[in-house]
Amino acid sequence: MGYKFMHVGVPTTKVQPHEIYVEKMKLYKTEVVSDFNIEYLRFQDGTPFPEIMHVNPHVAYEVSSIDDAAKGAQVIFEKTDIGSAFICFIVRDNVIYELYQPK
């Protein structure tokens, strides 16, 4: 199985230029910015994402199978359908990873 690096998600409490609100997830996010592939996330009350994600960055990878990639890891955000893909967040070796599986 291949892993394709996508971005680093950085939580913030500051309003970011060009952020968009994602109602279903109750957060503001930016498109990936800079040559370093940074995505800023500003979580709102009622977000389904756990507190650990509000204060720690994550590394996102596109994977061919979330189920395979998540084996043996601590799942902190269950596999969720976001329309064009599925996402899941895990912790492995004290690092938060976003797993992104296109449909």
PDB file of N, CA and C in Angstrom:
ATOM      1  N   MET A   1       0.849  -1.181   0.000  1.00  0.00           N
ATOM      2  CA  MET A   1       0.000   0.000   0.000  1.00  0.00           C
ATOM      3  C   MET A   1       0.884   1.230   0.000  1.00  0.00           C
ATOM      4  N   GLY A   2       0.532   2.201  -0.824  1.00  0.00           N
ATOM      5  CA  GLY A   2       1.294   3.432  -0.888  1.00  0.00           C
ATOM      6  C   GLY A   2       0.701   4.524  -0.027  1.00  0.00           C
ATOM      7  N   TYR A   3       1.547   5.398   0.439  1.00  0.00           N
ATOM      8  CA  TYR A   3       1.145   6.565   1.200  1.00  0.00           C
ATOM      9  C   TYR A   3       1.615   7.786   0.431  1.00  0.00           C
ATOM     10  N   LYS A   4       0.710   8.705   0.127  1.00  0.00           N
ATOM     11  CA  LYS A   4       1.066   9.925  -0.596  1.00  0.00           C
ATOM     12  C   LYS A   4       0.862  11.113   0.334  1.00  0.00           C
ATOM     13  N   PHE A   5       1.957  11.816   0.647  1.00  0.00           N
ATOM     14  CA  PHE A   5       1.877  12.979   1.535  1.00  0.00           C
ATOM     15  C   PHE A   5       0.949  14.032   0.940  1.00  0.00           C
ATOM     16  N   MET A   6       0.081  14.592   1.791  1.00  0.00           N
ATOM     17  CA  MET A   6      -0.846  15.636   1.353  1.00  0.00           C
ATOM     18  C   MET A   6      -0.552  16.987   2.011  1.00  0.00           C
ATOM     19  N   HIS A   7      -0.567  17.024   3.351  1.00  0.00           N
ATOM     20  CA  HIS A   7      -0.365  18.292   4.047  1.00  0.00           C
ATOM     21  C   HIS A   7      -0.067  18.056   5.521  1.00  0.00           C
ATOM     22  N   VAL A   8       0.288  19.149   6.194  1.00  0.00           N
ATOM     23  CA  VAL A   8       0.381  19.170   7.650  1.00  0.00           C
ATOM     24  C   VAL A   8      -0.754  20.069   8.130  1.00  0.00           C
ATOM     25  N   GLY A   9      -1.597  19.534   8.991  1.00  0.00           N
ATOM     26  CA  GLY A   9      -2.705  20.310   9.552  1.00  0.00           C
ATOM     27  C   GLY A   9      -2.265  20.963  10.847  1.00  0.00           C
ATOM     28  N   VAL A  10      -2.427  22.278  10.917  1.00  0.00           N
ATOM     29  CA  VAL A  10      -1.969  23.044  12.075  1.00  0.00           C
ATOM     30  C   VAL A  10      -3.173  23.708  12.746  1.00  0.00           C
ATOM     31  N   PRO A  11      -3.457  23.340  13.992  1.00  0.00           N
ATOM     32  CA  PRO A  11      -4.568  23.993  14.684  1.00  0.00           C
ATOM     33  C   PRO A  11      -4.202  25.424  15.053  1.00  0.00           C
ATOM     34  N   THR A  12      -5.199  26.290  15.020  1.00  0.00           N
ATOM     35  CA  THR A  12      -4.985  27.688  15.361  1.00  0.00           C
ATOM     36  C   THR A  12      -6.244  28.239  16.012  1.00  0.00           C
ATOM     37  N   THR A  13      -6.088  29.312  16.753  1.00  0.00           N
ATOM     38  CA  THR A  13      -7.244  30.020  17.309  1.00  0.00           C
ATOM     39  C   THR A  13      -7.421  31.372  16.616  1.00  0.00           C
ATOM     40  N   LYS A  14      -6.535  31.699  15.691  1.00  0.00           N
ATOM     41  CA  LYS A  14      -6.584  32.976  14.977  1.00  0.00           C
ATOM     42  C   LYS A  14      -7.279  32.821  13.634  1.00  0.00           C
ATOM     43  N   VAL A  15      -8.070  33.807  13.270  1.00  0.00           N
ATOM     44  CA  VAL A  15      -8.723  33.827  11.965  1.00  0.00           C
ATOM     45  C   VAL A  15      -7.647  33.869  10.893  1.00  0.00           C
ATOM     46  N   GLN A  16      -7.800  33.017   9.874  1.00  0.00           N
ATOM     47  CA  GLN A  16      -6.826  32.923   8.787  1.00  0.00           C
ATOM     48  C   GLN A  16      -7.415  33.516   7.503  1.00  0.00           C
ATOM     49  N   PRO A  17      -6.570  34.110   6.657  1.00  0.00           N
ATOM     50  CA  PRO A  17      -7.067  34.613   5.376  1.00  0.00           C
ATOM     51  C   PRO A  17      -7.674  33.478   4.547  1.00  0.00           C
ATOM     52  N   HIS A  18      -8.798  33.745   3.944  1.00  0.00           N
ATOM     53  CA  HIS A  18      -9.445  32.828   3.000  1.00  0.00           C
ATOM     54  C   HIS A  18      -9.902  31.505   3.626  1.00  0.00           C
ATOM     55  N   GLU A  19     -10.111  31.472   4.943  1.00  0.00           N
ATOM     56  CA  GLU A  19     -10.601  30.236   5.539  1.00  0.00           C
ATOM     57  C   GLU A  19     -12.064  30.036   5.164  1.00  0.00           C
ATOM     58  N   ILE A  20     -12.478  28.768   5.166  1.00  0.00           N
ATOM     59  CA  ILE A  20     -13.860  28.443   4.870  1.00  0.00           C
ATOM     60  C   ILE A  20     -14.445  27.673   6.050  1.00  0.00           C
ATOM     61  N   TYR A  21     -15.750  27.814   6.237  1.00  0.00           N
ATOM     62  CA  TYR A  21     -16.407  27.121   7.336  1.00  0.00           C
ATOM     63  C   TYR A  21     -16.989  25.807   6.833  1.00  0.00           C
ATOM     64  N   VAL A  22     -16.712  24.732   7.564  1.00  0.00           N
ATOM     65  CA  VAL A  22     -17.245  23.413   7.243  1.00  0.00           C
ATOM     66  C   VAL A  22     -18.283  23.092   8.317  1.00  0.00           C
ATOM     67  N   GLU A  23     -19.557  23.310   7.982  1.00  0.00           N
ATOM     68  CA  GLU A  23     -20.660  23.173   8.951  1.00  0.00           C
ATOM     69  C   GLU A  23     -20.700  21.790   9.590  1.00  0.00           C
ATOM     70  N   LYS A  24     -20.587  20.742   8.771  1.00  0.00           N
ATOM     71  CA  LYS A  24     -20.685  19.363   9.280  1.00  0.00           C
ATOM     72  C   LYS A  24     -19.621  19.075  10.340  1.00  0.00           C
ATOM     73  N   MET A  25     -18.443  19.673  10.190  1.00  0.00           N
ATOM     74  CA  MET A  25     -17.330  19.412  11.104  1.00  0.00           C
ATOM     75  C   MET A  25     -17.144  20.509  12.151  1.00  0.00           C
ATOM     76  N   LYS A  26     -17.899  21.589  12.018  1.00  0.00           N
ATOM     77  CA  LYS A  26     -17.827  22.726  12.938  1.00  0.00           C
ATOM     78  C   LYS A  26     -16.382  23.209  13.114  1.00  0.00           C
ATOM     79  N   LEU A  27     -15.804  23.591  11.974  1.00  0.00           N
ATOM     80  CA  LEU A  27     -14.463  24.143  11.987  1.00  0.00           C
ATOM     81  C   LEU A  27     -14.258  25.036  10.771  1.00  0.00           C
ATOM     82  N   TYR A  28     -13.303  25.940  10.921  1.00  0.00           N
ATOM     83  CA  TYR A  28     -12.836  26.749   9.804  1.00  0.00           C
ATOM     84  C   TYR A  28     -11.534  26.123   9.337  1.00  0.00           C
ATOM     85  N   LYS A  29     -11.325  26.100   8.022  1.00  0.00           N
ATOM     86  CA  LYS A  29     -10.072  25.550   7.493  1.00  0.00           C
ATOM     87  C   LYS A  29      -9.636  26.354   6.288  1.00  0.00           C
ATOM     88  N   THR A  30      -8.354  26.314   6.042  1.00  0.00           N
ATOM     89  CA  THR A  30      -7.814  26.948   4.846  1.00  0.00           C
ATOM     90  C   THR A  30      -7.522  25.860   3.824  1.00  0.00           C
ATOM     91  N   GLU A  31      -7.440  26.255   2.595  1.00  0.00           N
ATOM     92  CA  GLU A  31      -6.881  25.350   1.598  1.00  0.00           C
ATOM     93  C   GLU A  31      -5.405  25.215   1.942  1.00  0.00           C
ATOM     94  N   VAL A  32      -4.767  24.222   1.407  1.00  0.00           N
ATOM     95  CA  VAL A  32      -3.338  24.040   1.666  1.00  0.00           C
ATOM     96  C   VAL A  32      -2.595  25.273   1.170  1.00  0.00           C
ATOM     97  N   VAL A  33      -1.766  25.847   2.043  1.00  0.00           N
ATOM     98  CA  VAL A  33      -1.039  27.070   1.715  1.00  0.00           C
ATOM     99  C   VAL A  33       0.458  26.853   1.837  1.00  0.00           C
ATOM    100  N   SER A  34       1.199  27.622   1.122  1.00  0.00           N
ATOM    101  CA  SER A  34       2.662  27.671   1.141  1.00  0.00           C
ATOM    102  C   SER A  34       3.286  26.444   0.488  1.00  0.00           C
ATOM    103  N   ASP A  35       4.551  26.551   0.202  1.00  0.00           N
ATOM    104  CA  ASP A  35       5.307  25.449  -0.382  1.00  0.00           C
ATOM    105  C   ASP A  35       5.457  24.279   0.586  1.00  0.00           C
ATOM    106  N   PHE A  36       5.108  24.506   1.843  1.00  0.00           N
ATOM    107  CA  PHE A  36       5.243  23.473   2.858  1.00  0.00           C
ATOM    108  C   PHE A  36       3.947  22.699   3.091  1.00  0.00           C
ATOM    109  N   ASN A  37       2.935  22.954   2.278  1.00  0.00           N
ATOM    110  CA  ASN A  37       1.648  22.240   2.350  1.00  0.00           C
ATOM    111  C   ASN A  37       1.018  22.297   3.746  1.00  0.00           C
ATOM    112  N   ILE A  38       0.761  23.501   4.217  1.00  0.00           N
ATOM    113  CA  ILE A  38       0.147  23.721   5.525  1.00  0.00           C
ATOM    114  C   ILE A  38      -1.346  23.983   5.350  1.00  0.00           C
ATOM    115  N   GLU A  39      -2.162  23.339   6.181  1.00  0.00           N
ATOM    116  CA  GLU A  39      -3.600  23.578   6.253  1.00  0.00           C
ATOM    117  C   GLU A  39      -3.889  24.027   7.680  1.00  0.00           C
ATOM    118  N   TYR A  40      -4.510  25.201   7.840  1.00  0.00           N
ATOM    119  CA  TYR A  40      -4.856  25.687   9.170  1.00  0.00           C
ATOM    120  C   TYR A  40      -6.281  25.280   9.516  1.00  0.00           C
ATOM    121  N   LEU A  41      -6.486  24.868  10.779  1.00  0.00           N
ATOM    122  CA  LEU A  41      -7.795  24.439  11.267  1.00  0.00           C
ATOM    123  C   LEU A  41      -8.138  25.228  12.523  1.00  0.00           C
ATOM    124  N   ARG A  42      -9.343  25.792  12.528  1.00  0.00           N
ATOM    125  CA  ARG A  42      -9.820  26.531  13.706  1.00  0.00           C
ATOM    126  C   ARG A  42     -11.120  25.873  14.155  1.00  0.00           C
ATOM    127  N   PHE A  43     -11.031  25.100  15.226  1.00  0.00           N
ATOM    128  CA  PHE A  43     -12.151  24.309  15.713  1.00  0.00           C
ATOM    129  C   PHE A  43     -13.145  25.175  16.478  1.00  0.00           C
ATOM    130  N   GLN A  44     -14.429  24.862  16.325  1.00  0.00           N
ATOM    131  CA  GLN A  44     -15.506  25.577  16.993  1.00  0.00           C
ATOM    132  C   GLN A  44     -16.173  24.664  18.013  1.00  0.00           C
ATOM    133  N   ASP A  45     -16.952  25.268  18.925  1.00  0.00           N
ATOM    134  CA  ASP A  45     -17.705  24.477  19.901  1.00  0.00           C
ATOM    135  C   ASP A  45     -18.583  23.473  19.164  1.00  0.00           C
ATOM    136  N   GLY A  46     -18.624  22.257  19.665  1.00  0.00           N
ATOM    137  CA  GLY A  46     -19.458  21.229  19.079  1.00  0.00           C
ATOM    138  C   GLY A  46     -18.800  20.438  17.964  1.00  0.00           C
ATOM    139  N   THR A  47     -17.528  20.724  17.670  1.00  0.00           N
ATOM    140  CA  THR A  47     -16.831  19.967  16.632  1.00  0.00           C
ATOM    141  C   THR A  47     -16.729  18.498  17.051  1.00  0.00           C
ATOM    142  N   PRO A  48     -16.839  17.580  16.096  1.00  0.00           N
ATOM    143  CA  PRO A  48     -16.701  16.168  16.463  1.00  0.00           C
ATOM    144  C   PRO A  48     -15.244  15.729  16.669  1.00  0.00           C
ATOM    145  N   PHE A  49     -14.298  16.611  16.371  1.00  0.00           N
ATOM    146  CA  PHE A  49     -12.892  16.247  16.500  1.00  0.00           C
ATOM    147  C   PHE A  49     -12.447  16.311  17.961  1.00  0.00           C
ATOM    148  N   PRO A  50     -11.646  15.338  18.396  1.00  0.00           N
ATOM    149  CA  PRO A  50     -11.233  15.297  19.803  1.00  0.00           C
ATOM    150  C   PRO A  50     -10.268  16.431  20.161  1.00  0.00           C
ATOM    151  N   GLU A  51     -10.230  16.724  21.443  1.00  0.00           N
ATOM    152  CA  GLU A  51      -9.408  17.833  21.966  1.00  0.00           C
ATOM    153  C   GLU A  51      -7.942  17.718  21.555  1.00  0.00           C
ATOM    154  N   ILE A  52      -7.408  16.513  21.484  1.00  0.00           N
ATOM    155  CA  ILE A  52      -6.000  16.338  21.113  1.00  0.00           C
ATOM    156  C   ILE A  52      -5.695  17.009  19.774  1.00  0.00           C
ATOM    157  N   MET A  53      -6.673  17.045  18.881  1.00  0.00           N
ATOM    158  CA  MET A  53      -6.460  17.667  17.568  1.00  0.00           C
ATOM    159  C   MET A  53      -6.538  19.181  17.621  1.00  0.00           C
ATOM    160  N   HIS A  54      -7.139  19.734  18.659  1.00  0.00           N
ATOM    161  CA  HIS A  54      -7.281  21.177  18.790  1.00  0.00           C
ATOM    162  C   HIS A  54      -5.949  21.838  19.137  1.00  0.00           C
ATOM    163  N   VAL A  55      -5.006  21.045  19.651  1.00  0.00           N
ATOM    164  CA  VAL A  55      -3.751  21.620  20.134  1.00  0.00           C
ATOM    165  C   VAL A  55      -2.502  20.968  19.537  1.00  0.00           C
ATOM    166  N   ASN A  56      -2.685  19.961  18.683  1.00  0.00           N
ATOM    167  CA  ASN A  56      -1.545  19.262  18.080  1.00  0.00           C
ATOM    168  C   ASN A  56      -1.713  19.188  16.561  1.00  0.00           C
ATOM    169  N   PRO A  57      -0.634  19.354  15.827  1.00  0.00           N
ATOM    170  CA  PRO A  57      -0.709  19.220  14.369  1.00  0.00           C
ATOM    171  C   PRO A  57      -0.900  17.759  13.960  1.00  0.00           C
ATOM    172  N   HIS A  58      -1.298  17.578  12.716  1.00  0.00           N
ATOM    173  CA  HIS A  58      -1.392  16.229  12.159  1.00  0.00           C
ATOM    174  C   HIS A  58      -0.732  16.207  10.789  1.00  0.00           C
ATOM    175  N   VAL A  59      -0.381  15.016  10.347  1.00  0.00           N
ATOM    176  CA  VAL A  59       0.203  14.822   9.021  1.00  0.00           C
ATOM    177  C   VAL A  59      -0.799  14.008   8.206  1.00  0.00           C
ATOM    178  N   ALA A  60      -1.146  14.496   7.014  1.00  0.00           N
ATOM    179  CA  ALA A  60      -2.164  13.847   6.193  1.00  0.00           C
ATOM    180  C   ALA A  60      -1.542  13.091   5.028  1.00  0.00           C
ATOM    181  N   TYR A  61      -2.060  11.881   4.833  1.00  0.00           N
ATOM    182  CA  TYR A  61      -1.629  11.038   3.720  1.00  0.00           C
ATOM    183  C   TYR A  61      -2.833  10.504   2.973  1.00  0.00           C
ATOM    184  N   GLU A  62      -2.731  10.462   1.658  1.00  0.00           N
ATOM    185  CA  GLU A  62      -3.708   9.751   0.852  1.00  0.00           C
ATOM    186  C   GLU A  62      -3.311   8.281   0.867  1.00  0.00           C
ATOM    187  N   VAL A  63      -4.290   7.421   1.111  1.00  0.00           N
ATOM    188  CA  VAL A  63      -4.041   5.986   1.168  1.00  0.00           C
ATOM    189  C   VAL A  63      -5.048   5.267   0.286  1.00  0.00           C
ATOM    190  N   SER A  64      -4.707   4.054  -0.120  1.00  0.00           N
ATOM    191  CA  SER A  64      -5.637   3.279  -0.931  1.00  0.00           C
ATOM    192  C   SER A  64      -6.686   2.588  -0.065  1.00  0.00           C
ATOM    193  N   SER A  65      -6.378   2.358   1.219  1.00  0.00           N
ATOM    194  CA  SER A  65      -7.325   1.713   2.126  1.00  0.00           C
ATOM    195  C   SER A  65      -7.126   2.239   3.545  1.00  0.00           C
ATOM    196  N   ILE A  66      -8.103   2.982   4.039  1.00  0.00           N
ATOM    197  CA  ILE A  66      -8.048   3.449   5.422  1.00  0.00           C
ATOM    198  C   ILE A  66      -8.016   2.271   6.379  1.00  0.00           C
ATOM    199  N   ASP A  67      -8.823   1.266   6.084  1.00  0.00           N
ATOM    200  CA  ASP A  67      -8.898   0.114   6.981  1.00  0.00           C
ATOM    201  C   ASP A  67      -7.530  -0.542   7.156  1.00  0.00           C
ATOM    202  N   ASP A  68      -6.802  -0.713   6.072  1.00  0.00           N
ATOM    203  CA  ASP A  68      -5.464  -1.307   6.158  1.00  0.00           C
ATOM    204  C   ASP A  68      -4.484  -0.376   6.858  1.00  0.00           C
ATOM    205  N   ALA A  69      -4.517   0.909   6.511  1.00  0.00           N
ATOM    206  CA  ALA A  69      -3.564   1.875   7.074  1.00  0.00           C
ATOM    207  C   ALA A  69      -3.780   2.093   8.570  1.00  0.00           C
ATOM    208  N   ALA A  70      -5.008   1.932   9.046  1.00  0.00           N
ATOM    209  CA  ALA A  70      -5.320   2.185  10.453  1.00  0.00           C
ATOM    210  C   ALA A  70      -5.092   0.970  11.352  1.00  0.00           C
ATOM    211  N   LYS A  71      -4.803  -0.174  10.773  1.00  0.00           N
ATOM    212  CA  LYS A  71      -4.609  -1.391  11.586  1.00  0.00           C
ATOM    213  C   LYS A  71      -3.507  -1.178  12.625  1.00  0.00           C
ATOM    214  N   GLY A  72      -3.826  -1.537  13.861  1.00  0.00           N
ATOM    215  CA  GLY A  72      -2.848  -1.449  14.938  1.00  0.00           C
ATOM    216  C   GLY A  72      -2.667  -0.068  15.520  1.00  0.00           C
ATOM    217  N   ALA A  73      -3.387   0.923  15.004  1.00  0.00           N
ATOM    218  CA  ALA A  73      -3.248   2.298  15.497  1.00  0.00           C
ATOM    219  C   ALA A  73      -4.420   2.655  16.412  1.00  0.00           C
ATOM    220  N   GLN A  74      -4.232   3.684  17.209  1.00  0.00           N
ATOM    221  CA  GLN A  74      -5.306   4.224  18.032  1.00  0.00           C
ATOM    222  C   GLN A  74      -6.148   5.144  17.145  1.00  0.00           C
ATOM    223  N   VAL A  75      -7.398   4.802  16.925  1.00  0.00           N
ATOM    224  CA  VAL A  75      -8.283   5.634  16.102  1.00  0.00           C
ATOM    225  C   VAL A  75      -8.901   6.698  17.005  1.00  0.00           C
ATOM    226  N   ILE A  76      -8.708   7.975  16.639  1.00  0.00           N
ATOM    227  CA  ILE A  76      -9.271   9.068  17.441  1.00  0.00           C
ATOM    228  C   ILE A  76     -10.436   9.747  16.737  1.00  0.00           C
ATOM    229  N   PHE A  77     -10.610   9.469  15.439  1.00  0.00           N
ATOM    230  CA  PHE A  77     -11.761   9.976  14.684  1.00  0.00           C
ATOM    231  C   PHE A  77     -12.095   8.907  13.652  1.00  0.00           C
ATOM    232  N   GLU A  78     -13.223   8.258  13.844  1.00  0.00           N
ATOM    233  CA  GLU A  78     -13.616   7.115  13.018  1.00  0.00           C
ATOM    234  C   GLU A  78     -13.739   7.483  11.540  1.00  0.00           C
ATOM    235  N   LYS A  79     -13.613   6.504  10.691  1.00  0.00           N
ATOM    236  CA  LYS A  79     -13.764   6.658   9.244  1.00  0.00           C
ATOM    237  C   LYS A  79     -15.088   7.354   8.947  1.00  0.00           C
ATOM    238  N   THR A  80     -15.012   8.453   8.195  1.00  0.00           N
ATOM    239  CA  THR A  80     -16.163   9.299   7.913  1.00  0.00           C
ATOM    240  C   THR A  80     -16.220   9.624   6.433  1.00  0.00           C
ATOM    241  N   ASP A  81     -17.406   9.581   5.879  1.00  0.00           N
ATOM    242  CA  ASP A  81     -17.644   9.937   4.479  1.00  0.00           C
ATOM    243  C   ASP A  81     -17.750  11.457   4.383  1.00  0.00           C
ATOM    244  N   ILE A  82     -16.872  12.083   3.591  1.00  0.00           N
ATOM    245  CA  ILE A  82     -16.919  13.534   3.414  1.00  0.00           C
ATOM    246  C   ILE A  82     -17.352  13.920   1.994  1.00  0.00           C
ATOM    247  N   GLY A  83     -17.954  12.993   1.300  1.00  0.00           N
ATOM    248  CA  GLY A  83     -18.446  13.265  -0.048  1.00  0.00           C
ATOM    249  C   GLY A  83     -17.595  12.625  -1.119  1.00  0.00           C
ATOM    250  N   SER A  84     -16.471  13.224  -1.400  1.00  0.00           N
ATOM    251  CA  SER A  84     -15.591  12.703  -2.455  1.00  0.00           C
ATOM    252  C   SER A  84     -14.564  11.708  -1.929  1.00  0.00           C
ATOM    253  N   ALA A  85     -14.537  11.529  -0.612  1.00  0.00           N
ATOM    254  CA  ALA A  85     -13.518  10.671   0.006  1.00  0.00           C
ATOM    255  C   ALA A  85     -13.980  10.248   1.394  1.00  0.00           C
ATOM    256  N   PHE A  86     -13.181   9.390   2.003  1.00  0.00           N
ATOM    257  CA  PHE A  86     -13.342   9.028   3.407  1.00  0.00           C
ATOM    258  C   PHE A  86     -12.113   9.556   4.143  1.00  0.00           C
ATOM    259  N   ILE A  87     -12.306   9.980   5.397  1.00  0.00           N
ATOM    260  CA  ILE A  87     -11.175  10.376   6.236  1.00  0.00           C
ATOM    261  C   ILE A  87     -11.256   9.642   7.564  1.00  0.00           C
ATOM    262  N   CYS A  88     -10.125   9.559   8.218  1.00  0.00           N
ATOM    263  CA  CYS A  88     -10.009   8.934   9.531  1.00  0.00           C
ATOM    264  C   CYS A  88      -8.761   9.545  10.170  1.00  0.00           C
ATOM    265  N   PHE A  89      -8.781   9.721  11.481  1.00  0.00           N
ATOM    266  CA  PHE A  89      -7.591  10.212  12.171  1.00  0.00           C
ATOM    267  C   PHE A  89      -7.141   9.167  13.171  1.00  0.00           C
ATOM    268  N   ILE A  90      -5.843   8.928  13.179  1.00  0.00           N
ATOM    269  CA  ILE A  90      -5.239   7.930  14.057  1.00  0.00           C
ATOM    270  C   ILE A  90      -4.051   8.532  14.780  1.00  0.00           C
ATOM    271  N   VAL A  91      -3.627   7.854  15.831  1.00  0.00           N
ATOM    272  CA  VAL A  91      -2.365   8.183  16.503  1.00  0.00           C
ATOM    273  C   VAL A  91      -1.494   6.945  16.425  1.00  0.00           C
ATOM    274  N   ARG A  92      -0.291   7.143  15.937  1.00  0.00           N
ATOM    275  CA  ARG A  92       0.705   6.072  15.885  1.00  0.00           C
ATOM    276  C   ARG A  92       2.047   6.702  16.263  1.00  0.00           C
ATOM    277  N   ASP A  93       2.745   6.101  17.203  1.00  0.00           N
ATOM    278  CA  ASP A  93       4.046   6.610  17.664  1.00  0.00           C
ATOM    279  C   ASP A  93       3.957   8.068  18.098  1.00  0.00           C
ATOM    280  N   ASN A  94       2.879   8.403  18.801  1.00  0.00           N
ATOM    281  CA  ASN A  94       2.644   9.749  19.350  1.00  0.00           C
ATOM    282  C   ASN A  94       2.466  10.832  18.285  1.00  0.00           C
ATOM    283  N   VAL A  95       2.149  10.451  17.070  1.00  0.00           N
ATOM    284  CA  VAL A  95       1.902  11.405  15.984  1.00  0.00           C
ATOM    285  C   VAL A  95       0.467  11.210  15.502  1.00  0.00           C
ATOM    286  N   ILE A  96      -0.231  12.331  15.254  1.00  0.00           N
ATOM    287  CA  ILE A  96      -1.583  12.264  14.709  1.00  0.00           C
ATOM    288  C   ILE A  96      -1.476  12.236  13.193  1.00  0.00           C
ATOM    289  N   TYR A  97      -2.180  11.279  12.574  1.00  0.00           N
ATOM    290  CA  TYR A  97      -2.211  11.155  11.123  1.00  0.00           C
ATOM    291  C   TYR A  97      -3.640  11.243  10.624  1.00  0.00           C
ATOM    292  N   GLU A  98      -3.826  11.953   9.541  1.00  0.00           N
ATOM    293  CA  GLU A  98      -5.078  11.917   8.810  1.00  0.00           C
ATOM    294  C   GLU A  98      -4.901  10.933   7.671  1.00  0.00           C
ATOM    295  N   LEU A  99      -5.828  10.011   7.554  1.00  0.00           N
ATOM    296  CA  LEU A  99      -5.825   9.078   6.439  1.00  0.00           C
ATOM    297  C   LEU A  99      -6.956   9.491   5.510  1.00  0.00           C
ATOM    298  N   TYR A 100      -6.642   9.678   4.255  1.00  0.00           N
ATOM    299  CA  TYR A 100      -7.588  10.184   3.256  1.00  0.00           C
ATOM    300  C   TYR A 100      -7.677   9.156   2.139  1.00  0.00           C
ATOM    301  N   GLN A 101      -8.880   8.626   1.934  1.00  0.00           N
ATOM    302  CA  GLN A 101      -9.090   7.611   0.899  1.00  0.00           C
ATOM    303  C   GLN A 101     -10.104   8.138  -0.105  1.00  0.00           C
ATOM    304  N   PRO A 102      -9.648   8.483  -1.322  1.00  0.00           N
ATOM    305  CA  PRO A 102     -10.592   8.946  -2.341  1.00  0.00           C
ATOM    306  C   PRO A 102     -11.576   7.837  -2.707  1.00  0.00           C
ATOM    307  N   LYS A 103     -12.750   8.251  -3.146  1.00  0.00           N
ATOM    308  CA  LYS A 103     -13.758   7.267  -3.590  1.00  0.00           C
ATOM    309  C   LYS A 103     -13.460   6.844  -5.010  1.00  0.00           C
TER     310      LYS A 103
END
